[in-house]
Amino acid sequence: MNIQSGTDKWYALQVRARWEGLTATLLSGKGYQTLLPTFKVQKRWNGKVRETIEPLFPGYVFCQFDVHNRLPILVTQGVLAVVGRGRTPVPVEDFEMMALRRMVDSNFKAEPWPYLEVGQQVRIEDGALSGLKGILVSLRGSSRIVVSVTLLQRSVALEIDRLSVVPIQPVRTAGFESLSVPAFVEETLA
């Protein structure tokens, strides 16, 4: 059985498809603390609607362990890899794990959502502005979409409901760093 220290970090483990629950159970049986956030979804099978429980992050299980002693984790059935940069495991941020745990403990309804990051190009999906494209920014706690006229190097920011936008393209990151907002956008918002 594994004895964890207070310095162990949380890591995301990539696991075989549809093995999230079994892998979390196997790791827990070895004495590791795991987290598998789930949500309820209704699916139609044979003309009937049934409620099932699925992982919020398909293909991943969170596990707390000492990264220098990860062999017992890697040999666990279903585990493919520890998520990181190349072969170097990268821990999940403490504040993100705390948020996930609070969300799971709250019993509020949760569901997967497209990942949106400040600086990402997005499109409004509903309402009077449906189809409008711009860059997602955050200003004083609210979300805004910035529409730019490149020729004039000017932009206009419009406060929006973040739930009404979807990403147009995947986030482009260099080593997990977020995109920066162009200087002319920041000047416009100031």
Protein backbone atom coordinates (compact mmCIF):
# COMPACT_ATOMS: atom_id res chain seq x y z
CA MET A 1 0.00 0.00 0.00
CA ASN A 2 1.23 3.50 -0.84
CA ILE A 3 1.90 6.00 1.95
CA GLN A 4 1.54 9.51 0.59
CA SER A 5 3.39 12.51 1.92
CA GLY A 6 1.98 16.00 2.20
CA THR A 7 4.22 17.12 -0.67
CA ASP A 8 2.75 14.78 -3.28
CA LYS A 9 1.29 16.64 -6.25
CA TRP A 10 -1.76 15.89 -8.37
CA TYR A 11 -1.13 14.67 -11.92
CA ALA A 12 -3.43 13.92 -14.82
CA LEU A 13 -3.08 10.37 -16.09
CA GLN A 14 -3.98 9.49 -19.64
CA VAL A 15 -5.88 6.21 -19.56
CA ARG A 16 -7.38 3.80 -22.08
CA ALA A 17 -10.73 4.83 -23.54
CA ARG A 18 -13.66 3.92 -21.26
CA TRP A 19 -11.26 2.65 -18.55
CA GLU A 20 -11.44 5.76 -16.37
CA GLY A 21 -13.57 4.21 -13.60
CA LEU A 22 -11.69 0.91 -13.44
CA THR A 23 -8.30 2.63 -13.47
CA ALA A 24 -9.34 5.02 -10.67
CA THR A 25 -10.54 2.03 -8.63
CA LEU A 26 -7.28 0.12 -9.20
CA LEU A 27 -5.20 3.14 -8.17
CA SER A 28 -7.35 3.69 -5.07
CA GLY A 29 -6.83 0.01 -4.21
CA LYS A 30 -3.07 0.66 -4.28
CA GLY A 31 -3.55 3.45 -1.73
CA TYR A 32 -3.40 6.45 -4.05
CA GLN A 33 -5.85 9.32 -3.82
CA THR A 34 -7.72 9.71 -7.13
CA LEU A 35 -10.30 12.04 -8.58
CA LEU A 36 -12.60 11.13 -11.46
CA PRO A 37 -15.10 13.96 -11.99
CA THR A 38 -18.27 12.66 -13.67
CA PHE A 39 -21.61 13.96 -14.93
CA LYS A 40 -24.97 12.47 -15.78
CA VAL A 41 -26.00 12.29 -19.42
CA GLN A 42 -29.08 10.95 -21.11
CA LYS A 43 -28.51 8.63 -24.06
CA ARG A 44 -30.89 6.88 -26.37
CA TRP A 45 -30.48 3.10 -26.67
CA ASN A 46 -32.95 0.82 -28.45
CA GLY A 47 -35.54 3.60 -28.56
CA LYS A 48 -35.32 4.24 -24.81
CA VAL A 49 -33.69 7.14 -23.00
CA ARG A 50 -31.31 6.03 -20.26
CA GLU A 51 -29.24 8.05 -17.86
CA THR A 52 -25.57 7.16 -17.66
CA ILE A 53 -22.61 8.56 -15.76
CA GLU A 54 -19.62 9.60 -17.85
CA PRO A 55 -16.28 11.25 -17.05
CA LEU A 56 -16.04 15.03 -17.43
CA PHE A 57 -12.56 14.49 -18.89
CA PRO A 58 -12.80 11.36 -21.06
CA GLY A 59 -9.50 9.49 -21.17
CA TYR A 60 -8.10 11.07 -17.99
CA VAL A 61 -7.95 10.33 -14.26
CA PHE A 62 -6.38 12.62 -11.65
CA CYS A 63 -4.05 11.01 -9.12
CA GLN A 64 -1.90 12.32 -6.26
CA PHE A 65 1.55 10.76 -5.98
CA ASP A 66 5.30 11.32 -5.71
CA VAL A 67 6.52 11.87 -9.26
CA HIS A 68 9.89 10.28 -8.40
CA ASN A 69 8.12 7.03 -7.55
CA ARG A 70 5.71 6.77 -10.50
CA LEU A 71 6.43 3.21 -11.65
CA PRO A 72 3.55 1.73 -9.58
CA ILE A 73 1.25 4.22 -11.32
CA LEU A 74 2.52 3.49 -14.82
CA VAL A 75 2.18 -0.29 -14.45
CA THR A 76 -1.46 0.01 -13.32
CA GLN A 77 -3.83 -1.53 -15.83
CA GLY A 78 -5.35 1.13 -18.08
CA VAL A 79 -2.73 3.84 -17.47
CA LEU A 80 -1.06 5.01 -20.68
CA ALA A 81 1.01 7.96 -19.45
CA VAL A 82 1.41 10.78 -16.98
CA VAL A 83 0.47 14.01 -18.75
CA GLY A 84 3.33 16.47 -19.15
CA ARG A 85 5.74 18.12 -21.54
CA GLY A 86 7.45 15.39 -23.51
CA ARG A 87 8.56 12.78 -20.99
CA THR A 88 8.52 15.22 -18.06
CA PRO A 89 5.35 14.95 -15.94
CA VAL A 90 3.74 18.30 -15.11
CA PRO A 91 1.52 18.56 -12.02
CA VAL A 92 -1.97 20.04 -12.21
CA GLU A 93 -2.10 23.46 -10.55
CA ASP A 94 -3.25 23.29 -6.91
CA PHE A 95 -5.96 25.93 -7.45
CA GLU A 96 -7.34 23.95 -10.41
CA MET A 97 -7.50 20.74 -8.36
CA MET A 98 -9.17 22.62 -5.52
CA ALA A 99 -11.75 24.00 -7.96
CA LEU A 100 -12.41 20.51 -9.38
CA ARG A 101 -12.81 19.01 -5.92
CA ARG A 102 -15.18 21.78 -4.81
CA MET A 103 -17.21 21.33 -7.98
CA VAL A 104 -17.49 17.56 -7.45
CA ASP A 105 -18.37 17.97 -3.75
CA SER A 106 -21.04 20.61 -4.52
CA ASN A 107 -23.29 18.17 -6.42
CA PHE A 108 -24.21 20.95 -8.86
CA LYS A 109 -24.89 19.86 -12.42
CA ALA A 110 -21.67 19.96 -14.46
CA GLU A 111 -20.98 19.14 -18.09
CA PRO A 112 -18.00 19.26 -20.45
CA TRP A 113 -17.48 22.59 -22.16
CA PRO A 114 -15.15 23.74 -24.95
CA TYR A 115 -11.93 25.12 -23.52
CA LEU A 116 -11.81 28.89 -23.94
CA GLU A 117 -8.78 30.97 -23.15
CA VAL A 118 -8.31 34.72 -23.12
CA GLY A 119 -6.77 35.68 -26.43
CA GLN A 120 -8.50 32.90 -28.34
CA GLN A 121 -10.55 33.57 -31.45
CA VAL A 122 -14.23 32.80 -30.78
CA ARG A 123 -17.64 32.97 -32.50
CA ILE A 124 -20.96 33.94 -30.91
CA GLU A 125 -23.42 31.06 -31.36
CA ASP A 126 -26.79 32.55 -30.49
CA GLY A 127 -28.79 35.75 -30.22
CA ALA A 128 -28.70 38.91 -32.29
CA LEU A 129 -24.92 38.66 -32.71
CA SER A 130 -24.89 35.04 -33.88
CA GLY A 131 -21.92 34.40 -36.19
CA LEU A 132 -19.90 37.38 -34.97
CA LYS A 133 -16.20 36.49 -34.66
CA GLY A 134 -13.59 38.12 -32.47
CA ILE A 135 -11.02 37.60 -29.74
CA LEU A 136 -12.05 36.67 -26.20
CA VAL A 137 -10.71 39.02 -23.52
CA SER A 138 -11.36 39.47 -19.84
CA LEU A 139 -11.69 42.91 -18.28
CA ARG A 140 -12.60 43.61 -14.66
CA GLY A 141 -14.16 40.18 -14.21
CA SER A 142 -16.35 40.20 -17.31
CA SER A 143 -15.86 38.58 -20.70
CA ARG A 144 -15.73 40.63 -23.86
CA ILE A 145 -15.36 39.85 -27.52
CA VAL A 146 -13.02 42.17 -29.40
CA VAL A 147 -13.73 42.81 -33.07
CA SER A 148 -10.87 44.43 -34.96
CA VAL A 149 -10.45 46.34 -38.18
CA THR A 150 -6.92 45.32 -39.11
CA LEU A 151 -6.44 47.99 -41.76
CA LEU A 152 -7.19 50.75 -39.22
CA GLN A 153 -5.53 48.89 -36.35
CA ARG A 154 -8.54 49.68 -34.19
CA SER A 155 -10.80 47.44 -32.17
CA VAL A 156 -14.17 47.47 -30.49
CA ALA A 157 -14.93 45.47 -27.34
CA LEU A 158 -18.41 44.17 -26.58
CA GLU A 159 -19.37 42.63 -23.24
CA ILE A 160 -20.82 39.17 -23.80
CA ASP A 161 -22.07 36.12 -21.98
CA ARG A 162 -19.10 33.73 -22.07
CA LEU A 163 -21.52 30.80 -22.42
CA SER A 164 -22.69 32.07 -25.79
CA VAL A 165 -19.30 31.73 -27.51
CA VAL A 166 -17.45 28.76 -28.94
CA PRO A 167 -13.81 28.50 -30.03
CA ILE A 168 -13.09 28.88 -33.72
CA GLN A 169 -9.66 27.27 -33.55
CA PRO A 170 -7.72 25.36 -30.92
CA VAL A 171 -5.67 27.36 -28.46
CA ARG A 172 -2.17 27.90 -29.76
CA THR A 173 0.23 27.71 -26.87
CA ALA A 174 3.98 27.59 -26.64
CA GLY A 175 4.82 25.40 -23.70
CA PHE A 176 1.40 25.88 -22.04
CA GLU A 177 1.72 29.69 -21.99
CA SER A 178 -1.46 31.53 -22.87
CA LEU A 179 -1.72 33.85 -25.82
CA SER A 180 -1.20 37.52 -25.12
CA VAL A 181 -3.68 40.15 -26.21
CA PRO A 182 -2.29 42.46 -28.91
CA ALA A 183 -1.21 45.89 -27.63
CA PHE A 184 -3.79 47.73 -29.72
CA VAL A 185 -6.56 45.67 -28.07
CA GLU A 186 -5.32 46.59 -24.59
CA GLU A 187 -5.17 50.29 -25.56
CA THR A 188 -8.74 50.12 -26.85
CA LEU A 189 -9.99 48.62 -23.57
CA ALA A 190 -8.12 51.11 -21.38
